Amino acid sequence: MVALTVAGVALASTAHRRALDASFRLQGIAFAVAFADAAEAWLASGDAGAVERAARLMFLGSVLYVQVVSRGVVHVDVRREALAAEELPGLDGSPRFLQAEVRPVFAGAEVLDVAIPLLEGGPGHVRVGLDTGEVVVGARNGMLVAVGAGVGFDLFVFGFLLWIGRRKPARTALDEGMKTNAIRIGELIVDESRKGATLGGASLSLSPKLYTLLSLLVSEPGRVFSDREILAAVWPDSRYANAKDVKQHIYLLRKKLGEAQKGAEKMIVNVPGFGYRIDPQRNGD
């Protein structure tokens, strides 16, 4: 029983740390992408001062440094005092795709270094470093919770087994309902469990990238997803994907929807200057 408890605590702590790492990475990338979008708009309007003011406000959170470079000009390079005399981890030229890596910075500390290429006004990039210290603290707290739960587990498990032994089988309907993990928007159904989609009962023949693109759009119906967000989700490891690839795959996805149901291509709406969203109300002639 003790060995089972120790194994359970170890597994729970590992899973908790992995979940924290994944959540911190996703939130950090989304945060950096949002700043990059705003910085690009400010630079396009010639307001570099707004970029620096926004960068300094970011220090209220876990940001350690912010850099904005466009056409060889460093518009913003602000850091926390602890990094003032430190060399930041180097980049191999101007990045052509979104990069997010955990790098060491100083005194054993690590940072999530997010580098985002400028889609306009390039070559150039926006670079944001986020302190991973909060992940370490969260993992430590998770370990304490797991240990506390493990101490109580040995006392609880015997009563739980007795309860299970007396409990009548009544889980069939619940299990059947949990076999699917689908999102339904009107007549469009995207089933994550089988990596497939149907429209009006007709199956959509989608490549992995088209399926990922459709899943992203239906994850938040009505929300506008920018080119950067789509690139990060559909081409997370590509060095060459760009806005043209996004446009082409939006075209192909619209074509697939239109082939399955006349007028369904109108469900994917282009919001000029911002990105794309899905709107099931626009399905039809």
C-alpha atoms as a PDB file:
ATOM      1  CA  MET A   1       0.000   0.000   0.000  1.00  0.00           C
ATOM      2  CA  VAL A   2       2.855   2.371   0.848  1.00  0.00           C
ATOM      3  CA  ALA A   3       4.527   1.656  -2.503  1.00  0.00           C
ATOM      4  CA  LEU A   4       1.238   2.381  -4.282  1.00  0.00           C
ATOM      5  CA  THR A   5       0.917   5.668  -2.415  1.00  0.00           C
ATOM      6  CA  VAL A   6       4.474   6.723  -3.260  1.00  0.00           C
ATOM      7  CA  ALA A   7       3.945   5.840  -6.912  1.00  0.00           C
ATOM      8  CA  GLY A   8       0.699   7.790  -6.955  1.00  0.00           C
ATOM      9  CA  VAL A   9       2.343  10.868  -5.431  1.00  0.00           C
ATOM     10  CA  ALA A  10       5.202  10.698  -7.963  1.00  0.00           C
ATOM     11  CA  LEU A  11       2.832  10.333 -10.921  1.00  0.00           C
ATOM     12  CA  ALA A  12       0.569  13.132  -9.694  1.00  0.00           C
ATOM     13  CA  SER A  13       3.523  15.477  -9.177  1.00  0.00           C
ATOM     14  CA  THR A  14       4.938  14.705 -12.632  1.00  0.00           C
ATOM     15  CA  ALA A  15       1.579  15.184 -14.314  1.00  0.00           C
ATOM     16  CA  HIS A  16       1.013  18.426 -12.413  1.00  0.00           C
ATOM     17  CA  ARG A  17       4.417  19.803 -13.460  1.00  0.00           C
ATOM     18  CA  ARG A  18       3.814  18.874 -17.098  1.00  0.00           C
ATOM     19  CA  ALA A  19       0.400  20.547 -17.013  1.00  0.00           C
ATOM     20  CA  LEU A  20       1.930  23.687 -15.492  1.00  0.00           C
ATOM     21  CA  ASP A  21       4.692  23.750 -18.124  1.00  0.00           C
ATOM     22  CA  ALA A  22       2.213  23.329 -20.979  1.00  0.00           C
ATOM     23  CA  SER A  23      -0.171  25.965 -19.610  1.00  0.00           C
ATOM     24  CA  PHE A  24       2.634  28.464 -18.972  1.00  0.00           C
ATOM     25  CA  ARG A  25       4.013  27.931 -22.485  1.00  0.00           C
ATOM     26  CA  LEU A  26       0.633  28.405 -24.185  1.00  0.00           C
ATOM     27  CA  GLN A  27      -0.252  31.469 -22.120  1.00  0.00           C
ATOM     28  CA  GLY A  28       3.223  32.943 -22.621  1.00  0.00           C
ATOM     29  CA  ILE A  29       3.038  32.506 -26.404  1.00  0.00           C
ATOM     30  CA  ALA A  30      -0.472  34.005 -26.537  1.00  0.00           C
ATOM     31  CA  PHE A  31       0.697  36.948 -24.403  1.00  0.00           C
ATOM     32  CA  ALA A  32       3.731  37.570 -26.619  1.00  0.00           C
ATOM     33  CA  VAL A  33       1.698  37.244 -29.831  1.00  0.00           C
ATOM     34  CA  ALA A  34      -0.848  39.788 -28.576  1.00  0.00           C
ATOM     35  CA  PHE A  35       1.946  42.251 -27.791  1.00  0.00           C
ATOM     36  CA  ALA A  36       3.597  41.608 -31.181  1.00  0.00           C
ATOM     37  CA  ASP A  37       0.333  42.365 -32.998  1.00  0.00           C
ATOM     38  CA  ALA A  38      -0.047  45.649 -31.109  1.00  0.00           C
ATOM     39  CA  ALA A  39       3.630  46.581 -31.540  1.00  0.00           C
ATOM     40  CA  GLU A  40       3.440  45.984 -35.288  1.00  0.00           C
ATOM     41  CA  ALA A  41       0.433  48.289 -35.576  1.00  0.00           C
ATOM     42  CA  TRP A  42       2.162  51.003 -33.533  1.00  0.00           C
ATOM     43  CA  LEU A  43       5.350  50.754 -35.591  1.00  0.00           C
ATOM     44  CA  ALA A  44       3.328  50.972 -38.790  1.00  0.00           C
ATOM     45  CA  SER A  45       1.818  54.236 -37.530  1.00  0.00           C
ATOM     46  CA  GLY A  46       5.251  55.558 -36.483  1.00  0.00           C
ATOM     47  CA  ASP A  47       4.476  55.482 -32.750  1.00  0.00           C
ATOM     48  CA  ALA A  48       7.551  53.689 -31.377  1.00  0.00           C
ATOM     49  CA  GLY A  49       7.016  55.397 -28.016  1.00  0.00           C
ATOM     50  CA  ALA A  50       3.772  53.498 -27.492  1.00  0.00           C
ATOM     51  CA  VAL A  51       5.652  50.237 -28.051  1.00  0.00           C
ATOM     52  CA  GLU A  52       8.174  51.042 -25.308  1.00  0.00           C
ATOM     53  CA  ARG A  53       5.473  52.198 -22.870  1.00  0.00           C
ATOM     54  CA  ALA A  54       3.551  48.987 -23.409  1.00  0.00           C
ATOM     55  CA  ALA A  55       6.737  46.948 -22.997  1.00  0.00           C
ATOM     56  CA  ARG A  56       7.488  48.538 -19.622  1.00  0.00           C
ATOM     57  CA  LEU A  57       3.942  47.902 -18.422  1.00  0.00           C
ATOM     58  CA  MET A  58       4.515  44.212 -19.141  1.00  0.00           C
ATOM     59  CA  PHE A  59       7.091  44.159 -16.322  1.00  0.00           C
ATOM     60  CA  LEU A  60       4.186  44.212 -13.867  1.00  0.00           C
ATOM     61  CA  GLY A  61       3.859  40.498 -14.676  1.00  0.00           C
ATOM     62  CA  SER A  62       6.492  37.812 -15.166  1.00  0.00           C
ATOM     63  CA  VAL A  63       8.248  39.455 -18.129  1.00  0.00           C
ATOM     64  CA  LEU A  64      12.040  39.809 -17.790  1.00  0.00           C
ATOM     65  CA  TYR A  65      12.869  41.502 -21.096  1.00  0.00           C
ATOM     66  CA  VAL A  66      11.279  42.827 -24.288  1.00  0.00           C
ATOM     67  CA  GLN A  67      12.980  43.556 -27.615  1.00  0.00           C
ATOM     68  CA  VAL A  68      11.476  44.956 -30.794  1.00  0.00           C
ATOM     69  CA  VAL A  69      13.680  45.082 -33.906  1.00  0.00           C
ATOM     70  CA  SER A  70      12.570  46.214 -37.374  1.00  0.00           C
ATOM     71  CA  ARG A  71      14.771  46.566 -40.465  1.00  0.00           C
ATOM     72  CA  GLY A  72      17.914  46.437 -38.357  1.00  0.00           C
ATOM     73  CA  VAL A  73      16.697  49.180 -35.971  1.00  0.00           C
ATOM     74  CA  VAL A  74      16.267  48.308 -32.283  1.00  0.00           C
ATOM     75  CA  HIS A  75      13.117  50.214 -31.352  1.00  0.00           C
ATOM     76  CA  VAL A  76      12.762  48.697 -27.875  1.00  0.00           C
ATOM     77  CA  ASP A  77      15.231  46.882 -25.607  1.00  0.00           C
ATOM     78  CA  VAL A  78      14.002  46.996 -22.011  1.00  0.00           C
ATOM     79  CA  ARG A  79      14.988  44.591 -19.227  1.00  0.00           C
ATOM     80  CA  ARG A  80      14.635  44.106 -15.526  1.00  0.00           C
ATOM     81  CA  GLU A  81      17.527  45.435 -13.455  1.00  0.00           C
ATOM     82  CA  ALA A  82      18.872  41.924 -12.786  1.00  0.00           C
ATOM     83  CA  LEU A  83      19.453  41.475 -16.512  1.00  0.00           C
ATOM     84  CA  ALA A  84      20.854  44.909 -17.237  1.00  0.00           C
ATOM     85  CA  ALA A  85      24.436  43.637 -17.497  1.00  0.00           C
ATOM     86  CA  GLU A  86      23.622  40.172 -18.824  1.00  0.00           C
ATOM     87  CA  GLU A  87      23.932  38.941 -22.399  1.00  0.00           C
ATOM     88  CA  LEU A  88      20.627  37.614 -23.593  1.00  0.00           C
ATOM     89  CA  PRO A  89      20.552  34.219 -25.351  1.00  0.00           C
ATOM     90  CA  GLY A  90      21.444  34.734 -28.999  1.00  0.00           C
ATOM     91  CA  LEU A  91      19.142  34.293 -31.985  1.00  0.00           C
ATOM     92  CA  ASP A  92      20.207  32.890 -35.342  1.00  0.00           C
ATOM     93  CA  GLY A  93      19.439  36.016 -37.344  1.00  0.00           C
ATOM     94  CA  SER A  94      15.908  37.302 -37.670  1.00  0.00           C
ATOM     95  CA  PRO A  95      13.468  34.415 -37.012  1.00  0.00           C
ATOM     96  CA  ARG A  96      11.215  33.406 -39.903  1.00  0.00           C
ATOM     97  CA  PHE A  97       8.716  31.606 -37.692  1.00  0.00           C
ATOM     98  CA  LEU A  98       7.499  31.730 -34.103  1.00  0.00           C
ATOM     99  CA  GLN A  99      10.058  30.306 -31.662  1.00  0.00           C
ATOM    100  CA  ALA A 100       9.454  29.479 -28.009  1.00  0.00           C
ATOM    101  CA  GLU A 101      12.249  27.865 -26.002  1.00  0.00           C
ATOM    102  CA  VAL A 102      13.192  27.645 -22.337  1.00  0.00           C
ATOM    103  CA  ARG A 103      16.702  29.089 -21.989  1.00  0.00           C
ATOM    104  CA  PRO A 104      19.061  29.756 -19.035  1.00  0.00           C
ATOM    105  CA  VAL A 105      19.704  33.422 -18.312  1.00  0.00           C
ATOM    106  CA  PHE A 106      21.606  34.060 -15.075  1.00  0.00           C
ATOM    107  CA  ALA A 107      22.310  32.427 -11.700  1.00  0.00           C
ATOM    108  CA  GLY A 108      20.584  29.229 -12.730  1.00  0.00           C
ATOM    109  CA  ALA A 109      17.340  31.004 -13.621  1.00  0.00           C
ATOM    110  CA  GLU A 110      15.419  30.021 -16.749  1.00  0.00           C
ATOM    111  CA  VAL A 111      13.225  32.021 -19.082  1.00  0.00           C
ATOM    112  CA  LEU A 112      10.635  31.159 -21.718  1.00  0.00           C
ATOM    113  CA  ASP A 113      12.115  33.028 -24.690  1.00  0.00           C
ATOM    114  CA  VAL A 114       9.451  33.785 -27.337  1.00  0.00           C
ATOM    115  CA  ALA A 115      10.603  35.279 -30.655  1.00  0.00           C
ATOM    116  CA  ILE A 116       7.976  36.323 -33.210  1.00  0.00           C
ATOM    117  CA  PRO A 117       8.778  37.509 -36.752  1.00  0.00           C
ATOM    118  CA  LEU A 118       7.186  40.708 -37.985  1.00  0.00           C
ATOM    119  CA  LEU A 119       4.730  39.948 -40.758  1.00  0.00           C
ATOM    120  CA  GLU A 120       4.881  43.567 -41.900  1.00  0.00           C
ATOM    121  CA  GLY A 121       7.686  46.080 -41.567  1.00  0.00           C
ATOM    122  CA  GLY A 122      10.277  43.302 -41.624  1.00  0.00           C
ATOM    123  CA  PRO A 123      12.751  41.849 -41.560  1.00  0.00           C
ATOM    124  CA  GLY A 124      12.471  42.110 -37.822  1.00  0.00           C
ATOM    125  CA  HIS A 125      11.085  40.448 -34.743  1.00  0.00           C
ATOM    126  CA  VAL A 126       9.499  40.889 -31.346  1.00  0.00           C
ATOM    127  CA  ARG A 127      11.137  39.017 -28.481  1.00  0.00           C
ATOM    128  CA  VAL A 128       9.657  38.497 -25.003  1.00  0.00           C
ATOM    129  CA  GLY A 129      11.266  36.658 -22.086  1.00  0.00           C
ATOM    130  CA  LEU A 130       9.019  35.306 -19.323  1.00  0.00           C
ATOM    131  CA  ASP A 131      10.276  34.133 -15.938  1.00  0.00           C
ATOM    132  CA  THR A 132       9.546  30.419 -15.400  1.00  0.00           C
ATOM    133  CA  GLY A 133       9.906  30.821 -11.624  1.00  0.00           C
ATOM    134  CA  GLU A 134       6.159  30.704 -11.092  1.00  0.00           C
ATOM    135  CA  VAL A 135       6.101  27.238 -12.677  1.00  0.00           C
ATOM    136  CA  VAL A 136       8.683  26.021 -10.149  1.00  0.00           C
ATOM    137  CA  VAL A 137       6.647  27.475  -7.257  1.00  0.00           C
ATOM    138  CA  GLY A 138       3.469  25.923  -8.608  1.00  0.00           C
ATOM    139  CA  ALA A 139       5.161  22.535  -8.969  1.00  0.00           C
ATOM    140  CA  ARG A 140       6.441  22.729  -5.367  1.00  0.00           C
ATOM    141  CA  ASN A 141       2.965  23.547  -4.089  1.00  0.00           C
ATOM    142  CA  GLY A 142       1.569  20.700  -6.170  1.00  0.00           C
ATOM    143  CA  MET A 143       4.073  18.312  -4.572  1.00  0.00           C
ATOM    144  CA  LEU A 144       2.934  19.358  -1.078  1.00  0.00           C
ATOM    145  CA  VAL A 145      -0.683  18.817  -2.021  1.00  0.00           C
ATOM    146  CA  ALA A 146       0.155  15.410  -3.508  1.00  0.00           C
ATOM    147  CA  VAL A 147       2.008  14.339  -0.361  1.00  0.00           C
ATOM    148  CA  GLY A 148      -0.900  15.456   1.809  1.00  0.00           C
ATOM    149  CA  ALA A 149      -3.305  13.540  -0.377  1.00  0.00           C
ATOM    150  CA  GLY A 150      -1.056  10.484  -0.218  1.00  0.00           C
ATOM    151  CA  VAL A 151      -1.091  10.443   3.588  1.00  0.00           C
ATOM    152  CA  GLY A 152      -4.861  10.362   3.580  1.00  0.00           C
ATOM    153  CA  PHE A 153      -5.034   7.864   0.741  1.00  0.00           C
ATOM    154  CA  ASP A 154      -4.106   4.815   2.851  1.00  0.00           C
ATOM    155  CA  LEU A 155      -6.946   5.566   5.278  1.00  0.00           C
ATOM    156  CA  PHE A 156      -9.432   6.193   2.512  1.00  0.00           C
ATOM    157  CA  VAL A 157      -8.720   3.318   0.124  1.00  0.00           C
ATOM    158  CA  PHE A 158     -10.234   0.538   2.254  1.00  0.00           C
ATOM    159  CA  GLY A 159     -13.537   2.351   2.663  1.00  0.00           C
ATOM    160  CA  PHE A 160     -13.531   3.194  -1.048  1.00  0.00           C
ATOM    161  CA  LEU A 161     -13.055  -0.460  -2.041  1.00  0.00           C
ATOM    162  CA  LEU A 162     -15.926  -1.514   0.229  1.00  0.00           C
ATOM    163  CA  TRP A 163     -18.158   1.151  -1.346  1.00  0.00           C
ATOM    164  CA  ILE A 164     -17.239   0.004  -4.859  1.00  0.00           C
ATOM    165  CA  GLY A 165     -18.000  -3.607  -3.889  1.00  0.00           C
ATOM    166  CA  ARG A 166     -21.528  -2.743  -2.723  1.00  0.00           C
ATOM    167  CA  ARG A 167     -22.256  -0.283  -5.549  1.00  0.00           C
ATOM    168  CA  LYS A 168     -24.574  -1.520  -8.297  1.00  0.00           C
ATOM    169  CA  PRO A 169     -23.425  -1.171 -11.901  1.00  0.00           C
ATOM    170  CA  ALA A 170     -24.884   2.147 -13.047  1.00  0.00           C
ATOM    171  CA  ARG A 171     -22.182   3.616 -15.207  1.00  0.00           C
ATOM    172  CA  THR A 172     -23.153   2.328 -18.649  1.00  0.00           C
ATOM    173  CA  ALA A 173     -25.064   5.436 -19.753  1.00  0.00           C
ATOM    174  CA  LEU A 174     -22.372   7.754 -18.376  1.00  0.00           C
ATOM    175  CA  ASP A 175     -19.602   5.835 -20.139  1.00  0.00           C
ATOM    176  CA  GLU A 176     -21.507   5.933 -23.424  1.00  0.00           C
ATOM    177  CA  GLY A 177     -21.882   9.699 -23.115  1.00  0.00           C
ATOM    178  CA  MET A 178     -18.162  10.126 -22.512  1.00  0.00           C
ATOM    179  CA  LYS A 179     -17.069   8.155 -25.576  1.00  0.00           C
ATOM    180  CA  THR A 180     -17.402  11.204 -27.777  1.00  0.00           C
ATOM    181  CA  ASN A 181     -15.590  14.483 -27.479  1.00  0.00           C
ATOM    182  CA  ALA A 182     -17.291  16.479 -30.187  1.00  0.00           C
ATOM    183  CA  ILE A 183     -18.031  20.149 -30.789  1.00  0.00           C
ATOM    184  CA  ARG A 184     -21.305  20.886 -32.575  1.00  0.00           C
ATOM    185  CA  ILE A 185     -21.930  24.216 -34.305  1.00  0.00           C
ATOM    186  CA  GLY A 186     -25.191  24.086 -36.190  1.00  0.00           C
ATOM    187  CA  GLU A 187     -24.895  21.164 -38.608  1.00  0.00           C
ATOM    188  CA  LEU A 188     -21.101  21.117 -38.321  1.00  0.00           C
ATOM    189  CA  ILE A 189     -19.658  18.513 -35.944  1.00  0.00           C
ATOM    190  CA  VAL A 190     -15.935  18.283 -35.162  1.00  0.00           C
ATOM    191  CA  ASP A 191     -15.102  15.080 -33.278  1.00  0.00           C
ATOM    192  CA  GLU A 192     -11.735  15.289 -31.516  1.00  0.00           C
ATOM    193  CA  SER A 193     -11.821  11.642 -30.436  1.00  0.00           C
ATOM    194  CA  ARG A 194     -11.821  10.360 -34.030  1.00  0.00           C
ATOM    195  CA  LYS A 195     -10.104  13.347 -35.645  1.00  0.00           C
ATOM    196  CA  GLY A 196     -12.956  13.810 -38.084  1.00  0.00           C
ATOM    197  CA  ALA A 197     -15.714  16.256 -38.994  1.00  0.00           C
ATOM    198  CA  THR A 198     -19.147  16.114 -40.617  1.00  0.00           C
ATOM    199  CA  LEU A 199     -21.430  18.769 -42.060  1.00  0.00           C
ATOM    200  CA  GLY A 200     -25.121  18.023 -42.399  1.00  0.00           C
ATOM    201  CA  GLY A 201     -24.317  14.333 -41.951  1.00  0.00           C
ATOM    202  CA  ALA A 202     -21.726  14.375 -44.766  1.00  0.00           C
ATOM    203  CA  SER A 203     -18.183  13.429 -43.790  1.00  0.00           C
ATOM    204  CA  LEU A 204     -15.481  16.001 -44.569  1.00  0.00           C
ATOM    205  CA  SER A 205     -12.261  14.654 -46.080  1.00  0.00           C
ATOM    206  CA  LEU A 206      -9.657  16.782 -44.333  1.00  0.00           C
ATOM    207  CA  SER A 207      -5.881  16.637 -44.210  1.00  0.00           C
ATOM    208  CA  PRO A 208      -4.310  16.869 -40.724  1.00  0.00           C
ATOM    209  CA  LYS A 209      -3.571  20.584 -41.187  1.00  0.00           C
ATOM    210  CA  LEU A 210      -7.074  21.363 -42.469  1.00  0.00           C
ATOM    211  CA  TYR A 211      -8.551  19.431 -39.540  1.00  0.00           C
ATOM    212  CA  THR A 212      -6.330  21.328 -37.075  1.00  0.00           C
ATOM    213  CA  LEU A 213      -7.353  24.645 -38.680  1.00  0.00           C
ATOM    214  CA  LEU A 214     -11.059  23.763 -38.447  1.00  0.00           C
ATOM    215  CA  SER A 215     -10.663  22.589 -34.833  1.00  0.00           C
ATOM    216  CA  LEU A 216      -9.015  25.898 -33.921  1.00  0.00           C
ATOM    217  CA  LEU A 217     -11.792  27.979 -35.492  1.00  0.00           C
ATOM    218  CA  VAL A 218     -14.628  26.011 -33.844  1.00  0.00           C
ATOM    219  CA  SER A 219     -12.891  25.972 -30.457  1.00  0.00           C
ATOM    220  CA  GLU A 220     -14.219  29.516 -29.896  1.00  0.00           C
ATOM    221  CA  PRO A 221     -17.050  30.261 -32.350  1.00  0.00           C
ATOM    222  CA  GLY A 222     -17.187  33.915 -33.303  1.00  0.00           C
ATOM    223  CA  ARG A 223     -13.657  34.673 -32.115  1.00  0.00           C
ATOM    224  CA  VAL A 224     -11.283  36.166 -34.680  1.00  0.00           C
ATOM    225  CA  PHE A 225      -8.003  34.221 -34.942  1.00  0.00           C
ATOM    226  CA  SER A 226      -5.013  36.145 -36.309  1.00  0.00           C
ATOM    227  CA  ASP A 227      -2.531  34.752 -38.848  1.00  0.00           C
ATOM    228  CA  ARG A 228       0.027  34.354 -36.058  1.00  0.00           C
ATOM    229  CA  GLU A 229      -2.335  32.328 -33.882  1.00  0.00           C
ATOM    230  CA  ILE A 230      -3.220  30.083 -36.818  1.00  0.00           C
ATOM    231  CA  LEU A 231       0.462  29.626 -37.737  1.00  0.00           C
ATOM    232  CA  ALA A 232       1.312  28.728 -34.127  1.00  0.00           C
ATOM    233  CA  ALA A 233      -1.479  26.105 -33.997  1.00  0.00           C
ATOM    234  CA  VAL A 234      -1.271  24.565 -37.490  1.00  0.00           C
ATOM    235  CA  TRP A 235       2.473  24.925 -38.235  1.00  0.00           C
ATOM    236  CA  PRO A 236       4.074  24.950 -34.734  1.00  0.00           C
ATOM    237  CA  ASP A 237       7.430  23.587 -35.940  1.00  0.00           C
ATOM    238  CA  SER A 238       7.647  24.949 -39.482  1.00  0.00           C
ATOM    239  CA  ARG A 239      10.450  27.320 -40.398  1.00  0.00           C
ATOM    240  CA  TYR A 240       8.810  28.450 -43.604  1.00  0.00           C
ATOM    241  CA  ALA A 241       5.039  28.745 -43.047  1.00  0.00           C
ATOM    242  CA  ASN A 242       3.679  32.282 -43.416  1.00  0.00           C
ATOM    243  CA  ALA A 243       0.498  34.258 -43.971  1.00  0.00           C
ATOM    244  CA  LYS A 244       0.221  32.936 -47.542  1.00  0.00           C
ATOM    245  CA  ASP A 245      -0.035  29.389 -46.216  1.00  0.00           C
ATOM    246  CA  VAL A 246      -2.820  30.495 -43.876  1.00  0.00           C
ATOM    247  CA  LYS A 247      -4.712  32.103 -46.755  1.00  0.00           C
ATOM    248  CA  GLN A 248      -4.311  29.003 -48.938  1.00  0.00           C
ATOM    249  CA  HIS A 249      -5.551  26.615 -46.232  1.00  0.00           C
ATOM    250  CA  ILE A 250      -8.515  28.876 -45.451  1.00  0.00           C
ATOM    251  CA  TYR A 251      -9.382  28.670 -49.160  1.00  0.00           C
ATOM    252  CA  LEU A 252      -9.071  24.858 -49.157  1.00  0.00           C
ATOM    253  CA  LEU A 253     -11.169  24.517 -45.994  1.00  0.00           C
ATOM    254  CA  ARG A 254     -13.887  26.726 -47.459  1.00  0.00           C
ATOM    255  CA  LYS A 255     -13.858  24.562 -50.581  1.00  0.00           C
ATOM    256  CA  LYS A 256     -14.298  21.389 -48.508  1.00  0.00           C
ATOM    257  CA  LEU A 257     -17.252  22.919 -46.635  1.00  0.00           C
ATOM    258  CA  GLY A 258     -18.847  24.118 -49.869  1.00  0.00           C
ATOM    259  CA  GLU A 259     -18.503  20.670 -51.433  1.00  0.00           C
ATOM    260  CA  ALA A 260     -20.240  19.061 -48.456  1.00  0.00           C
ATOM    261  CA  GLN A 261     -23.064  21.621 -48.343  1.00  0.00           C
ATOM    262  CA  LYS A 262     -23.864  24.388 -50.788  1.00  0.00           C
ATOM    263  CA  GLY A 263     -23.063  27.816 -49.333  1.00  0.00           C
ATOM    264  CA  ALA A 264     -21.247  26.387 -46.298  1.00  0.00           C
ATOM    265  CA  GLU A 265     -17.995  28.035 -47.403  1.00  0.00           C
ATOM    266  CA  LYS A 266     -19.488  31.300 -46.123  1.00  0.00           C
ATOM    267  CA  MET A 267     -19.200  29.996 -42.548  1.00  0.00           C
ATOM    268  CA  ILE A 268     -15.532  31.032 -42.519  1.00  0.00           C
ATOM    269  CA  VAL A 269     -15.479  34.815 -42.403  1.00  0.00           C
ATOM    270  CA  ASN A 270     -12.458  36.968 -43.276  1.00  0.00           C
ATOM    271  CA  VAL A 271     -12.143  39.960 -40.953  1.00  0.00           C
ATOM    272  CA  PRO A 272      -9.832  42.283 -42.950  1.00  0.00           C
ATOM    273  CA  GLY A 273      -6.720  43.293 -41.045  1.00  0.00           C
ATOM    274  CA  PHE A 274      -7.427  40.935 -38.131  1.00  0.00           C
ATOM    275  CA  GLY A 275      -7.876  37.325 -39.265  1.00  0.00           C
ATOM    276  CA  TYR A 276     -10.619  34.727 -39.580  1.00  0.00           C
ATOM    277  CA  ARG A 277     -13.609  33.479 -37.587  1.00  0.00           C
ATOM    278  CA  ILE A 278     -16.316  30.865 -38.035  1.00  0.00           C
ATOM    279  CA  ASP A 279     -19.969  31.913 -38.174  1.00  0.00           C
ATOM    280  CA  PRO A 280     -22.537  29.074 -38.675  1.00  0.00           C
ATOM    281  CA  GLN A 281     -25.286  31.670 -39.241  1.00  0.00           C
ATOM    282  CA  ARG A 282     -23.712  32.515 -42.608  1.00  0.00           C
ATOM    283  CA  ASN A 283     -24.175  28.972 -43.875  1.00  0.00           C
ATOM    284  CA  GLY A 284     -26.357  29.083 -46.990  1.00  0.00           C
ATOM    285  CA  ASP A 285     -26.959  31.061 -50.155  1.00  0.00           C
END
